[in-house]
Structure formats: C-alpha cells, structure tokens
Amino acid sequence: MTHIITHPAPAVPLTAGELLPWVVFVGLLSLMTLYFVGAEQGATSLVQGSAVHEFVHDGRHLLGFPCH
C-alpha cells in the first residue's frame, strides 16, 4: 500500500498593487464610520432627524465624543 503525502502550496505574498485597493477600501470605510459615530449631527448632518445619532449614541460616549 502506497501513501501519498501532499503538502499545501506555499503562501504567495501579496504585492503592493494587489493590496492597495483593499487598503483604500478599509480606509474609506473607517473614515465613514468615524464620521457617523463622531460628527453626524448638527450643521454637517447628511441624514435628517436624529436616527443616526441615537443609533450610535452609546458608541459615541464610549469613544469619548461629546454629544450633549
């Protein structure tokens, strides 16, 4: 009886060109999240009403953003 042992293919490192779109995507997503948690109210509000403010209210205080 012959046993064949296979090894997984070696990991190929990502190049900067392959990684750049993901870095940009995560950066923009982080900035949008920071905006909605930290600044979505008042004169710079993109959404009418207080729904977004109330949704992120506890997270705002947890991160140290004043809102009252």
N, C-alpha and C. Protein backbone atom coordinates (compact mmCIF):
# COMPACT_ATOMS: atom_id res chain seq x y z
N MET A 1 0.85 -1.16 0.00
CA MET A 1 0.00 0.00 0.00
C MET A 1 0.90 1.24 0.00
N THR A 2 0.63 2.14 -0.90
CA THR A 2 1.43 3.35 -1.03
C THR A 2 0.65 4.54 -0.47
N HIS A 3 1.30 5.32 0.37
CA HIS A 3 0.69 6.51 0.92
C HIS A 3 1.28 7.73 0.22
N ILE A 4 0.40 8.59 -0.26
CA ILE A 4 0.86 9.81 -0.90
C ILE A 4 0.63 10.96 0.07
N ILE A 5 1.69 11.64 0.38
CA ILE A 5 1.61 12.78 1.29
C ILE A 5 1.67 14.05 0.46
N THR A 6 0.64 14.86 0.57
CA THR A 6 0.64 16.13 -0.16
C THR A 6 0.84 17.27 0.81
N HIS A 7 1.53 18.26 0.37
CA HIS A 7 1.78 19.44 1.18
C HIS A 7 1.00 20.61 0.58
N PRO A 8 0.48 21.49 1.42
CA PRO A 8 -0.22 22.64 0.87
C PRO A 8 0.74 23.53 0.09
N ALA A 9 0.19 24.22 -0.89
CA ALA A 9 1.01 25.12 -1.69
C ALA A 9 1.54 26.24 -0.80
N PRO A 10 2.75 26.67 -1.05
CA PRO A 10 3.30 27.75 -0.23
C PRO A 10 2.50 29.04 -0.44
N ALA A 11 2.39 29.82 0.61
CA ALA A 11 1.67 31.09 0.53
C ALA A 11 2.45 32.07 -0.32
N VAL A 12 1.73 32.74 -1.20
CA VAL A 12 2.36 33.73 -2.06
C VAL A 12 2.08 35.10 -1.46
N PRO A 13 3.10 35.87 -1.14
CA PRO A 13 2.86 37.19 -0.54
C PRO A 13 2.17 38.13 -1.53
N LEU A 14 1.33 38.99 -0.98
CA LEU A 14 0.64 39.96 -1.81
C LEU A 14 1.60 41.07 -2.20
N THR A 15 1.43 41.57 -3.40
CA THR A 15 2.22 42.72 -3.83
C THR A 15 1.49 43.99 -3.41
N ALA A 16 2.19 45.11 -3.47
CA ALA A 16 1.59 46.39 -3.10
C ALA A 16 0.42 46.72 -4.01
N GLY A 17 0.52 46.37 -5.28
CA GLY A 17 -0.55 46.64 -6.23
C GLY A 17 -1.82 45.85 -5.94
N GLU A 18 -1.67 44.64 -5.42
CA GLU A 18 -2.82 43.82 -5.06
C GLU A 18 -3.43 44.26 -3.74
N LEU A 19 -2.60 44.80 -2.86
CA LEU A 19 -3.05 45.19 -1.53
C LEU A 19 -3.66 46.59 -1.50
N LEU A 20 -3.24 47.47 -2.38
CA LEU A 20 -3.66 48.86 -2.38
C LEU A 20 -5.18 49.06 -2.43
N PRO A 21 -5.93 48.38 -3.30
CA PRO A 21 -7.38 48.59 -3.31
C PRO A 21 -8.04 48.24 -1.97
N TRP A 22 -7.55 47.22 -1.30
CA TRP A 22 -8.11 46.84 -0.01
C TRP A 22 -7.78 47.87 1.06
N VAL A 23 -6.57 48.42 1.01
CA VAL A 23 -6.17 49.45 1.98
C VAL A 23 -7.03 50.69 1.79
N VAL A 24 -7.27 51.08 0.54
CA VAL A 24 -8.11 52.24 0.26
C VAL A 24 -9.54 51.97 0.72
N PHE A 25 -10.07 50.79 0.44
CA PHE A 25 -11.44 50.44 0.83
C PHE A 25 -11.60 50.48 2.35
N VAL A 26 -10.69 49.87 3.07
CA VAL A 26 -10.77 49.84 4.54
C VAL A 26 -10.58 51.24 5.11
N GLY A 27 -9.71 52.04 4.50
CA GLY A 27 -9.51 53.41 4.96
C GLY A 27 -10.77 54.25 4.79
N LEU A 28 -11.42 54.16 3.62
CA LEU A 28 -12.65 54.91 3.40
C LEU A 28 -13.77 54.43 4.31
N LEU A 29 -13.88 53.14 4.51
CA LEU A 29 -14.89 52.60 5.41
C LEU A 29 -14.65 53.07 6.84
N SER A 30 -13.39 53.12 7.25
CA SER A 30 -13.07 53.61 8.60
C SER A 30 -13.41 55.09 8.75
N LEU A 31 -13.11 55.90 7.74
CA LEU A 31 -13.44 57.32 7.80
C LEU A 31 -14.95 57.55 7.84
N MET A 32 -15.69 56.78 7.07
CA MET A 32 -17.15 56.90 7.09
C MET A 32 -17.70 56.52 8.46
N THR A 33 -17.17 55.46 9.05
CA THR A 33 -17.61 55.04 10.37
C THR A 33 -17.28 56.10 11.41
N LEU A 34 -16.08 56.64 11.34
CA LEU A 34 -15.69 57.70 12.26
C LEU A 34 -16.58 58.92 12.12
N TYR A 35 -16.95 59.28 10.89
CA TYR A 35 -17.84 60.42 10.67
C TYR A 35 -19.20 60.17 11.32
N PHE A 36 -19.79 59.02 11.04
CA PHE A 36 -21.14 58.75 11.54
C PHE A 36 -21.17 58.62 13.06
N VAL A 37 -20.10 58.10 13.65
CA VAL A 37 -20.06 57.99 15.11
C VAL A 37 -19.72 59.32 15.75
N GLY A 38 -18.81 60.07 15.14
CA GLY A 38 -18.31 61.26 15.79
C GLY A 38 -18.91 62.59 15.38
N ALA A 39 -19.46 62.70 14.18
CA ALA A 39 -19.85 64.02 13.71
C ALA A 39 -21.23 64.09 13.07
N GLU A 40 -21.97 63.03 13.00
CA GLU A 40 -23.25 63.03 12.31
C GLU A 40 -24.32 63.68 13.17
N GLN A 41 -24.29 64.98 13.20
CA GLN A 41 -25.32 65.77 13.87
C GLN A 41 -25.06 67.24 13.55
N GLY A 42 -26.04 68.04 13.69
CA GLY A 42 -25.85 69.48 13.54
C GLY A 42 -25.68 69.93 12.10
N ALA A 43 -24.80 70.92 11.89
CA ALA A 43 -24.65 71.56 10.59
C ALA A 43 -24.08 70.64 9.52
N THR A 44 -23.30 69.63 9.90
CA THR A 44 -22.70 68.75 8.91
C THR A 44 -23.50 67.47 8.68
N SER A 45 -24.71 67.43 9.16
CA SER A 45 -25.53 66.21 9.09
C SER A 45 -25.88 65.86 7.65
N LEU A 46 -25.68 64.61 7.30
CA LEU A 46 -26.06 64.11 5.98
C LEU A 46 -27.45 63.48 6.01
N VAL A 47 -27.89 63.06 7.18
CA VAL A 47 -29.17 62.38 7.33
C VAL A 47 -30.07 63.24 8.21
N GLN A 48 -31.29 63.50 7.74
CA GLN A 48 -32.23 64.31 8.51
C GLN A 48 -32.71 63.54 9.75
N GLY A 49 -33.01 64.27 10.80
CA GLY A 49 -33.52 63.64 12.01
C GLY A 49 -32.39 63.19 12.92
N SER A 50 -32.77 62.45 13.95
CA SER A 50 -31.78 62.03 14.93
C SER A 50 -31.60 60.52 14.98
N ALA A 51 -32.02 59.81 13.93
CA ALA A 51 -31.94 58.35 13.94
C ALA A 51 -30.49 57.86 14.03
N VAL A 52 -29.61 58.43 13.23
CA VAL A 52 -28.20 58.00 13.25
C VAL A 52 -27.58 58.36 14.59
N HIS A 53 -27.87 59.56 15.08
CA HIS A 53 -27.33 59.99 16.37
C HIS A 53 -27.74 59.03 17.48
N GLU A 54 -29.00 58.66 17.52
CA GLU A 54 -29.48 57.76 18.57
C GLU A 54 -28.91 56.36 18.40
N PHE A 55 -28.70 55.93 17.16
CA PHE A 55 -28.18 54.59 16.90
C PHE A 55 -26.74 54.45 17.39
N VAL A 56 -25.92 55.50 17.23
CA VAL A 56 -24.52 55.42 17.62
C VAL A 56 -24.23 56.15 18.93
N HIS A 57 -25.27 56.50 19.66
CA HIS A 57 -25.13 57.33 20.85
C HIS A 57 -24.19 56.72 21.89
N ASP A 58 -24.37 55.47 22.25
CA ASP A 58 -23.53 54.84 23.27
C ASP A 58 -22.09 54.68 22.78
N GLY A 59 -21.93 54.34 21.51
CA GLY A 59 -20.59 54.23 20.95
C GLY A 59 -19.87 55.56 20.94
N ARG A 60 -20.63 56.63 20.74
CA ARG A 60 -20.07 57.98 20.75
C ARG A 60 -19.46 58.29 22.12
N HIS A 61 -20.20 57.98 23.17
CA HIS A 61 -19.70 58.22 24.52
C HIS A 61 -18.53 57.27 24.85
N LEU A 62 -18.62 56.03 24.40
CA LEU A 62 -17.56 55.06 24.64
C LEU A 62 -16.24 55.52 24.03
N LEU A 63 -16.30 56.16 22.86
CA LEU A 63 -15.10 56.63 22.18
C LEU A 63 -14.67 58.03 22.63
N GLY A 64 -15.44 58.65 23.52
CA GLY A 64 -15.05 59.94 24.06
C GLY A 64 -15.56 61.14 23.31
N PHE A 65 -16.51 60.95 22.39
CA PHE A 65 -17.08 62.07 21.65
C PHE A 65 -18.20 62.71 22.48
N PRO A 66 -18.15 64.01 22.70
CA PRO A 66 -19.25 64.66 23.41
C PRO A 66 -20.45 64.83 22.47
N CYS A 67 -21.65 64.76 23.01
CA CYS A 67 -22.81 64.98 22.15
C CYS A 67 -23.93 65.69 22.86
N HIS A 68 -23.73 66.14 24.08
CA HIS A 68 -24.79 66.86 24.79
C HIS A 68 -24.32 68.25 25.15
